[in-house]
Amino acid sequence: MAALAWLLIPLFAALGAAIWGSWAARNRTTGDVTELAGYARFREAMERSHSVSEPVEQISNV
């Protein structure tokens, strides 16, 4: 029975390595387009907020 356990340990390790390898190699580029579009919207919003707001000299009355 001990020999069977020593044979099953590498088998489970190989199975776990195969699952982890397939998970690590998955395609993760699908979210890039959404993130880049969100970043573009953020930059546009920041540019609009600076063009409408008061000059920096008047804001810095801390």
PDB file of N, CA and C in Angstrom:
ATOM      1  N   MET A   1       0.818  -1.198   0.000  1.00  0.00           N
ATOM      2  CA  MET A   1       0.000   0.000   0.000  1.00  0.00           C
ATOM      3  C   MET A   1       0.863   1.264   0.000  1.00  0.00           C
ATOM      4  N   ALA A   2       2.007   1.202   0.681  1.00  0.00           N
ATOM      5  CA  ALA A   2       2.887   2.356   0.719  1.00  0.00           C
ATOM      6  C   ALA A   2       3.456   2.654  -0.667  1.00  0.00           C
ATOM      7  N   ALA A   3       3.715   1.602  -1.447  1.00  0.00           N
ATOM      8  CA  ALA A   3       4.232   1.808  -2.801  1.00  0.00           C
ATOM      9  C   ALA A   3       3.191   2.499  -3.671  1.00  0.00           C
ATOM     10  N   LEU A   4       1.922   2.168  -3.464  1.00  0.00           N
ATOM     11  CA  LEU A   4       0.849   2.807  -4.219  1.00  0.00           C
ATOM     12  C   LEU A   4       0.758   4.290  -3.864  1.00  0.00           C
ATOM     13  N   ALA A   5       0.937   4.618  -2.601  1.00  0.00           N
ATOM     14  CA  ALA A   5       0.901   6.022  -2.187  1.00  0.00           C
ATOM     15  C   ALA A   5       2.053   6.792  -2.820  1.00  0.00           C
ATOM     16  N   TRP A   6       3.238   6.185  -2.879  1.00  0.00           N
ATOM     17  CA  TRP A   6       4.387   6.862  -3.486  1.00  0.00           C
ATOM     18  C   TRP A   6       4.222   7.011  -4.991  1.00  0.00           C
ATOM     19  N   LEU A   7       3.422   6.185  -5.611  1.00  0.00           N
ATOM     20  CA  LEU A   7       3.141   6.340  -7.035  1.00  0.00           C
ATOM     21  C   LEU A   7       2.045   7.379  -7.289  1.00  0.00           C
ATOM     22  N   LEU A   8       1.119   7.502  -6.351  1.00  0.00           N
ATOM     23  CA  LEU A   8       0.022   8.457  -6.525  1.00  0.00           C
ATOM     24  C   LEU A   8       0.457   9.900  -6.268  1.00  0.00           C
ATOM     25  N   ILE A   9       1.425  10.111  -5.404  1.00  0.00           N
ATOM     26  CA  ILE A   9       1.886  11.476  -5.098  1.00  0.00           C
ATOM     27  C   ILE A   9       2.418  12.171  -6.358  1.00  0.00           C
ATOM     28  N   PRO A  10       3.319  11.569  -7.127  1.00  0.00           N
ATOM     29  CA  PRO A  10       3.763  12.236  -8.363  1.00  0.00           C
ATOM     30  C   PRO A  10       2.650  12.372  -9.403  1.00  0.00           C
ATOM     31  N   LEU A  11       1.732  11.417  -9.414  1.00  0.00           N
ATOM     32  CA  LEU A  11       0.612  11.503 -10.342  1.00  0.00           C
ATOM     33  C   LEU A  11      -0.256  12.720 -10.036  1.00  0.00           C
ATOM     34  N   PHE A  12      -0.577  12.929  -8.768  1.00  0.00           N
ATOM     35  CA  PHE A  12      -1.361  14.104  -8.383  1.00  0.00           C
ATOM     36  C   PHE A  12      -0.571  15.394  -8.597  1.00  0.00           C
ATOM     37  N   ALA A  13       0.728  15.352  -8.370  1.00  0.00           N
ATOM     38  CA  ALA A  13       1.561  16.541  -8.606  1.00  0.00           C
ATOM     39  C   ALA A  13       1.581  16.892 -10.096  1.00  0.00           C
ATOM     40  N   ALA A  14       1.684  15.895 -10.959  1.00  0.00           N
ATOM     41  CA  ALA A  14       1.676  16.140 -12.399  1.00  0.00           C
ATOM     42  C   ALA A  14       0.321  16.666 -12.854  1.00  0.00           C
ATOM     43  N   LEU A  15      -0.737  16.134 -12.295  1.00  0.00           N
ATOM     44  CA  LEU A  15      -2.078  16.609 -12.625  1.00  0.00           C
ATOM     45  C   LEU A  15      -2.263  18.060 -12.173  1.00  0.00           C
ATOM     46  N   GLY A  16      -1.815  18.361 -10.972  1.00  0.00           N
ATOM     47  CA  GLY A  16      -1.897  19.741 -10.481  1.00  0.00           C
ATOM     48  C   GLY A  16      -1.049  20.690 -11.309  1.00  0.00           C
ATOM     49  N   ALA A  17       0.130  20.247 -11.730  1.00  0.00           N
ATOM     50  CA  ALA A  17       0.992  21.080 -12.567  1.00  0.00           C
ATOM     51  C   ALA A  17       0.356  21.325 -13.930  1.00  0.00           C
ATOM     52  N   ALA A  18      -0.307  20.326 -14.479  1.00  0.00           N
ATOM     53  CA  ALA A  18      -0.978  20.492 -15.771  1.00  0.00           C
ATOM     54  C   ALA A  18      -2.137  21.476 -15.655  1.00  0.00           C
ATOM     55  N   ILE A  19      -2.892  21.395 -14.584  1.00  0.00           N
ATOM     56  CA  ILE A  19      -4.005  22.334 -14.381  1.00  0.00           C
ATOM     57  C   ILE A  19      -3.473  23.742 -14.189  1.00  0.00           C
ATOM     58  N   TRP A  20      -2.443  23.891 -13.379  1.00  0.00           N
ATOM     59  CA  TRP A  20      -1.870  25.223 -13.154  1.00  0.00           C
ATOM     60  C   TRP A  20      -1.260  25.775 -14.440  1.00  0.00           C
ATOM     61  N   GLY A  21      -0.585  24.941 -15.204  1.00  0.00           N
ATOM     62  CA  GLY A  21       0.018  25.393 -16.457  1.00  0.00           C
ATOM     63  C   GLY A  21      -1.017  25.867 -17.457  1.00  0.00           C
ATOM     64  N   SER A  22      -2.133  25.166 -17.549  1.00  0.00           N
ATOM     65  CA  SER A  22      -3.180  25.601 -18.468  1.00  0.00           C
ATOM     66  C   SER A  22      -3.829  26.893 -17.974  1.00  0.00           C
ATOM     67  N   TRP A  23      -3.943  27.056 -16.672  1.00  0.00           N
ATOM     68  CA  TRP A  23      -4.502  28.294 -16.119  1.00  0.00           C
ATOM     69  C   TRP A  23      -3.540  29.468 -16.322  1.00  0.00           C
ATOM     70  N   ALA A  24      -2.257  29.242 -16.132  1.00  0.00           N
ATOM     71  CA  ALA A  24      -1.270  30.311 -16.281  1.00  0.00           C
ATOM     72  C   ALA A  24      -1.105  30.731 -17.741  1.00  0.00           C
ATOM     73  N   ALA A  25      -1.360  29.846 -18.686  1.00  0.00           N
ATOM     74  CA  ALA A  25      -1.180  30.153 -20.097  1.00  0.00           C
ATOM     75  C   ALA A  25      -2.466  30.622 -20.769  1.00  0.00           C
ATOM     76  N   ARG A  26      -3.489  30.891 -20.000  1.00  0.00           N
ATOM     77  CA  ARG A  26      -4.765  31.291 -20.598  1.00  0.00           C
ATOM     78  C   ARG A  26      -4.628  32.642 -21.287  1.00  0.00           C
ATOM     79  N   ASN A  27      -5.561  32.944 -22.166  1.00  0.00           N
ATOM     80  CA  ASN A  27      -5.549  34.187 -22.923  1.00  0.00           C
ATOM     81  C   ASN A  27      -6.172  35.288 -22.070  1.00  0.00           C
ATOM     82  N   ARG A  28      -5.369  36.256 -21.686  1.00  0.00           N
ATOM     83  CA  ARG A  28      -5.859  37.332 -20.825  1.00  0.00           C
ATOM     84  C   ARG A  28      -5.916  38.671 -21.542  1.00  0.00           C
ATOM     85  N   THR A  29      -5.901  38.692 -22.839  1.00  0.00           N
ATOM     86  CA  THR A  29      -5.866  39.956 -23.575  1.00  0.00           C
ATOM     87  C   THR A  29      -7.249  40.523 -23.836  1.00  0.00           C
ATOM     88  N   THR A  30      -8.304  39.847 -23.433  1.00  0.00           N
ATOM     89  CA  THR A  30      -9.648  40.327 -23.733  1.00  0.00           C
ATOM     90  C   THR A  30      -9.988  41.581 -22.960  1.00  0.00           C
ATOM     91  N   GLY A  31      -9.439  41.783 -21.771  1.00  0.00           N
ATOM     92  CA  GLY A  31      -9.768  42.951 -20.971  1.00  0.00           C
ATOM     93  C   GLY A  31      -8.980  44.190 -21.330  1.00  0.00           C
ATOM     94  N   ASP A  32      -7.967  44.071 -22.183  1.00  0.00           N
ATOM     95  CA  ASP A  32      -7.124  45.222 -22.516  1.00  0.00           C
ATOM     96  C   ASP A  32      -7.900  46.312 -23.240  1.00  0.00           C
ATOM     97  N   VAL A  33      -8.773  45.923 -24.148  1.00  0.00           N
ATOM     98  CA  VAL A  33      -9.527  46.906 -24.925  1.00  0.00           C
ATOM     99  C   VAL A  33     -10.434  47.707 -23.998  1.00  0.00           C
ATOM    100  N   THR A  34     -11.081  47.055 -23.072  1.00  0.00           N
ATOM    101  CA  THR A  34     -11.959  47.733 -22.133  1.00  0.00           C
ATOM    102  C   THR A  34     -11.165  48.656 -21.224  1.00  0.00           C
ATOM    103  N   GLU A  35     -10.024  48.194 -20.746  1.00  0.00           N
ATOM    104  CA  GLU A  35      -9.210  49.019 -19.868  1.00  0.00           C
ATOM    105  C   GLU A  35      -8.665  50.242 -20.597  1.00  0.00           C
ATOM    106  N   LEU A  36      -8.247  50.073 -21.836  1.00  0.00           N
ATOM    107  CA  LEU A  36      -7.733  51.206 -22.599  1.00  0.00           C
ATOM    108  C   LEU A  36      -8.827  52.216 -22.901  1.00  0.00           C
ATOM    109  N   ALA A  37     -10.036  51.748 -23.171  1.00  0.00           N
ATOM    110  CA  ALA A  37     -11.152  52.665 -23.408  1.00  0.00           C
ATOM    111  C   ALA A  37     -11.490  53.416 -22.128  1.00  0.00           C
ATOM    112  N   GLY A  38     -11.440  52.733 -20.995  1.00  0.00           N
ATOM    113  CA  GLY A  38     -11.686  53.401 -19.719  1.00  0.00           C
ATOM    114  C   GLY A  38     -10.628  54.436 -19.401  1.00  0.00           C
ATOM    115  N   TYR A  39      -9.386  54.132 -19.729  1.00  0.00           N
ATOM    116  CA  TYR A  39      -8.306  55.086 -19.493  1.00  0.00           C
ATOM    117  C   TYR A  39      -8.465  56.311 -20.396  1.00  0.00           C
ATOM    118  N   ALA A  40      -8.898  56.097 -21.633  1.00  0.00           N
ATOM    119  CA  ALA A  40      -9.129  57.230 -22.538  1.00  0.00           C
ATOM    120  C   ALA A  40     -10.249  58.111 -22.013  1.00  0.00           C
ATOM    121  N   ARG A  41     -11.318  57.507 -21.497  1.00  0.00           N
ATOM    122  CA  ARG A  41     -12.413  58.296 -20.910  1.00  0.00           C
ATOM    123  C   ARG A  41     -11.930  59.066 -19.694  1.00  0.00           C
ATOM    124  N   PHE A  42     -11.084  58.448 -18.888  1.00  0.00           N
ATOM    125  CA  PHE A  42     -10.538  59.113 -17.706  1.00  0.00           C
ATOM    126  C   PHE A  42      -9.712  60.326 -18.107  1.00  0.00           C
ATOM    127  N   ARG A  43      -8.852  60.175 -19.108  1.00  0.00           N
ATOM    128  CA  ARG A  43      -8.029  61.301 -19.561  1.00  0.00           C
ATOM    129  C   ARG A  43      -8.889  62.427 -20.105  1.00  0.00           C
ATOM    130  N   GLU A  44      -9.921  62.090 -20.872  1.00  0.00           N
ATOM    131  CA  GLU A  44     -10.817  63.123 -21.394  1.00  0.00           C
ATOM    132  C   GLU A  44     -11.522  63.859 -20.264  1.00  0.00           C
ATOM    133  N   ALA A  45     -11.960  63.122 -19.247  1.00  0.00           N
ATOM    134  CA  ALA A  45     -12.633  63.753 -18.116  1.00  0.00           C
ATOM    135  C   ALA A  45     -11.676  64.659 -17.352  1.00  0.00           C
ATOM    136  N   MET A  46     -10.428  64.236 -17.192  1.00  0.00           N
ATOM    137  CA  MET A  46      -9.462  65.072 -16.493  1.00  0.00           C
ATOM    138  C   MET A  46      -9.149  66.334 -17.288  1.00  0.00           C
ATOM    139  N   GLU A  47      -9.065  66.233 -18.590  1.00  0.00           N
ATOM    140  CA  GLU A  47      -8.808  67.412 -19.416  1.00  0.00           C
ATOM    141  C   GLU A  47      -9.982  68.386 -19.354  1.00  0.00           C
ATOM    142  N   ARG A  48     -11.201  67.860 -19.346  1.00  0.00           N
ATOM    143  CA  ARG A  48     -12.378  68.736 -19.255  1.00  0.00           C
ATOM    144  C   ARG A  48     -12.442  69.416 -17.908  1.00  0.00           C
ATOM    145  N   SER A  49     -12.120  68.707 -16.831  1.00  0.00           N
ATOM    146  CA  SER A  49     -12.223  69.306 -15.498  1.00  0.00           C
ATOM    147  C   SER A  49     -11.192  70.414 -15.317  1.00  0.00           C
ATOM    148  N   HIS A  50     -10.031  70.315 -15.937  1.00  0.00           N
ATOM    149  CA  HIS A  50      -9.032  71.373 -15.829  1.00  0.00           C
ATOM    150  C   HIS A  50      -9.409  72.582 -16.673  1.00  0.00           C
ATOM    151  N   SER A  51     -10.082  72.380 -17.771  1.00  0.00           N
ATOM    152  CA  SER A  51     -10.425  73.503 -18.627  1.00  0.00           C
ATOM    153  C   SER A  51     -11.576  74.310 -18.049  1.00  0.00           C
ATOM    154  N   VAL A  52     -12.421  73.717 -17.214  1.00  0.00           N
ATOM    155  CA  VAL A  52     -13.581  74.400 -16.655  1.00  0.00           C
ATOM    156  C   VAL A  52     -13.257  75.011 -15.295  1.00  0.00           C
ATOM    157  N   SER A  53     -12.348  74.440 -14.551  1.00  0.00           N
ATOM    158  CA  SER A  53     -12.082  74.867 -13.183  1.00  0.00           C
ATOM    159  C   SER A  53     -11.295  76.174 -13.128  1.00  0.00           C
ATOM    160  N   GLU A  54     -11.106  76.655 -11.904  1.00  0.00           N
ATOM    161  CA  GLU A  54     -10.377  77.902 -11.679  1.00  0.00           C
ATOM    162  C   GLU A  54      -8.884  77.691 -11.898  1.00  0.00           C
ATOM    163  N   PRO A  55      -8.136  78.757 -12.127  1.00  0.00           N
ATOM    164  CA  PRO A  55      -6.684  78.616 -12.258  1.00  0.00           C
ATOM    165  C   PRO A  55      -6.065  78.092 -10.963  1.00  0.00           C
ATOM    166  N   VAL A  56      -4.900  77.505 -11.052  1.00  0.00           N
ATOM    167  CA  VAL A  56      -4.228  76.864  -9.917  1.00  0.00           C
ATOM    168  C   VAL A  56      -3.883  77.891  -8.847  1.00  0.00           C
ATOM    169  N   GLU A  57      -3.545  79.096  -9.218  1.00  0.00           N
ATOM    170  CA  GLU A  57      -3.144  80.126  -8.243  1.00  0.00           C
ATOM    171  C   GLU A  57      -4.282  80.426  -7.267  1.00  0.00           C
ATOM    172  N   GLN A  58      -5.506  80.414  -7.734  1.00  0.00           N
ATOM    173  CA  GLN A  58      -6.644  80.724  -6.867  1.00  0.00           C
ATOM    174  C   GLN A  58      -7.044  79.543  -5.998  1.00  0.00           C
ATOM    175  N   ILE A  59      -6.762  78.351  -6.414  1.00  0.00           N
ATOM    176  CA  ILE A  59      -7.167  77.148  -5.668  1.00  0.00           C
ATOM    177  C   ILE A  59      -6.229  76.917  -4.490  1.00  0.00           C
ATOM    178  N   SER A  60      -4.981  77.301  -4.570  1.00  0.00           N
ATOM    179  CA  SER A  60      -3.983  76.946  -3.566  1.00  0.00           C
ATOM    180  C   SER A  60      -4.014  77.855  -2.335  1.00  0.00           C
ATOM    181  N   ASN A  61      -5.166  78.216  -1.843  1.00  0.00           N
ATOM    182  CA  ASN A  61      -5.305  79.004  -0.608  1.00  0.00           C
ATOM    183  C   ASN A  61      -5.515  78.062   0.565  1.00  0.00           C
ATOM    184  N   VAL A  62      -4.530  77.286   0.882  1.00  0.00           N
ATOM    185  CA  VAL A  62      -4.657  76.281   1.943  1.00  0.00           C
ATOM    186  C   VAL A  62      -4.249  76.851   3.272  1.00  0.00           C
TER     187      VAL A  62
END
